[in-house]
């Protein structure tokens, strides 16, 4: 009786397996696409922040830290968060992620 049950259920198992593989493939493809878009947006945000720092504060935005001899590090942080805070939160970034 048990063998008959296995034989009868085999086609359903194969179909379920194929469906789950296709579903997993589609989800992985969509996830890769969204991750790629998010990375591109992060790069654009970083470029905008670097340009902002260069224009208004005369700092090299490509460096990973604000020089210690620069007196207004808090001013830079506040201005950056104020101007780009919405975009940073949409991309799950914090100010500390930008400057280590």
Protein backbone atom coordinates (compact mmCIF):
# COMPACT_ATOMS: atom_id res chain seq x y z
CA UNK A 1 0.00 0.00 0.00
CA UNK A 2 2.82 2.37 0.86
CA UNK A 3 4.54 1.81 -2.52
CA UNK A 4 1.34 2.56 -4.39
CA UNK A 5 0.97 5.79 -2.47
CA UNK A 6 4.53 6.83 -3.34
CA UNK A 7 4.01 6.04 -7.02
CA UNK A 8 0.77 8.00 -7.15
CA UNK A 9 2.26 11.03 -5.37
CA UNK A 10 5.49 11.10 -7.39
CA UNK A 11 4.17 13.34 -10.26
CA UNK A 12 2.84 15.85 -7.73
CA UNK A 13 6.21 15.96 -5.98
CA UNK A 14 7.98 16.58 -9.28
CA UNK A 15 5.58 19.37 -10.21
CA UNK A 16 5.93 20.95 -6.76
CA UNK A 17 9.71 20.76 -6.99
CA UNK A 18 9.74 22.39 -10.42
CA UNK A 19 7.35 25.11 -9.27
CA UNK A 20 9.46 25.90 -6.20
CA UNK A 21 12.63 26.09 -8.30
CA UNK A 22 11.01 28.48 -10.77
CA UNK A 23 9.61 30.56 -7.93
CA UNK A 24 13.01 30.67 -6.21
CA UNK A 25 14.70 31.65 -9.49
CA UNK A 26 12.23 34.50 -10.04
CA UNK A 27 12.63 35.77 -6.48
CA UNK A 28 16.43 35.65 -6.75
CA UNK A 29 16.33 37.53 -10.05
CA UNK A 30 14.08 40.24 -8.59
CA UNK A 31 16.27 40.52 -5.48
CA UNK A 32 19.45 40.87 -7.56
CA UNK A 33 17.80 43.59 -9.63
CA UNK A 34 16.72 45.55 -6.55
CA UNK A 35 20.15 45.20 -4.93
CA UNK A 36 21.79 46.49 -8.11
CA UNK A 37 19.45 49.50 -8.21
CA UNK A 38 20.11 50.23 -4.52
CA UNK A 39 23.88 50.08 -5.06
CA UNK A 40 23.62 52.47 -7.99
CA UNK A 41 21.56 54.88 -5.89
CA UNK A 42 24.13 54.69 -3.07
CA UNK A 43 26.93 55.54 -5.49
CA UNK A 44 24.97 58.53 -6.80
CA UNK A 45 24.25 59.69 -3.25
CA UNK A 46 27.92 59.44 -2.34
CA UNK A 47 28.85 61.49 -5.42
CA UNK A 48 26.31 64.16 -4.48
CA UNK A 49 27.62 64.30 -0.91
CA UNK A 50 31.21 64.57 -2.12
CA UNK A 51 30.25 67.43 -4.42
CA UNK A 52 28.36 69.14 -1.59
CA UNK A 53 31.34 68.86 0.78
CA UNK A 54 33.70 70.21 -1.85
CA UNK A 55 31.49 73.18 -2.75
CA UNK A 56 30.43 74.37 0.68
CA UNK A 57 33.23 73.30 3.00
CA UNK A 58 36.23 72.85 0.73
CA UNK A 59 36.74 69.31 2.00
CA UNK A 60 37.87 66.34 0.00
CA UNK A 61 34.70 64.28 -0.03
CA UNK A 62 36.48 61.18 -1.27
CA UNK A 63 38.42 60.72 1.95
CA UNK A 64 36.85 58.40 4.47
CA UNK A 65 37.23 60.80 7.38
CA UNK A 66 36.97 64.48 8.10
CA UNK A 67 40.42 65.85 8.97
CA UNK A 68 40.98 66.37 12.69
CA UNK A 69 42.32 69.88 12.13
CA UNK A 70 38.98 70.87 10.60
CA UNK A 71 37.14 72.74 13.35
CA UNK A 72 33.53 72.29 12.24
CA UNK A 73 33.07 68.52 11.99
CA UNK A 74 29.72 68.78 13.75
CA UNK A 75 28.63 71.45 11.27
CA UNK A 76 29.54 69.14 8.39
CA UNK A 77 27.57 66.27 9.95
CA UNK A 78 24.49 68.38 10.57
CA UNK A 79 24.55 69.94 7.09
CA UNK A 80 24.99 66.56 5.42
CA UNK A 81 22.24 64.88 7.40
CA UNK A 82 19.92 67.84 6.90
CA UNK A 83 20.39 67.96 3.15
CA UNK A 84 20.64 64.23 2.36
CA UNK A 85 18.84 62.67 5.33
CA UNK A 86 15.76 61.58 3.41
CA UNK A 87 17.79 59.87 0.68
CA UNK A 88 20.08 58.29 3.26
CA UNK A 89 17.18 56.83 5.24
CA UNK A 90 15.56 55.52 2.03
CA UNK A 91 18.79 53.63 1.28
CA UNK A 92 19.26 52.46 4.91
CA UNK A 93 22.41 54.53 5.37
CA UNK A 94 23.60 56.49 8.37
CA UNK A 95 26.12 59.30 8.56
CA UNK A 96 28.64 56.96 10.18
CA UNK A 97 28.40 54.64 7.15
CA UNK A 98 29.71 57.44 4.96
CA UNK A 99 32.66 58.47 7.12
CA UNK A 100 34.46 55.87 9.20
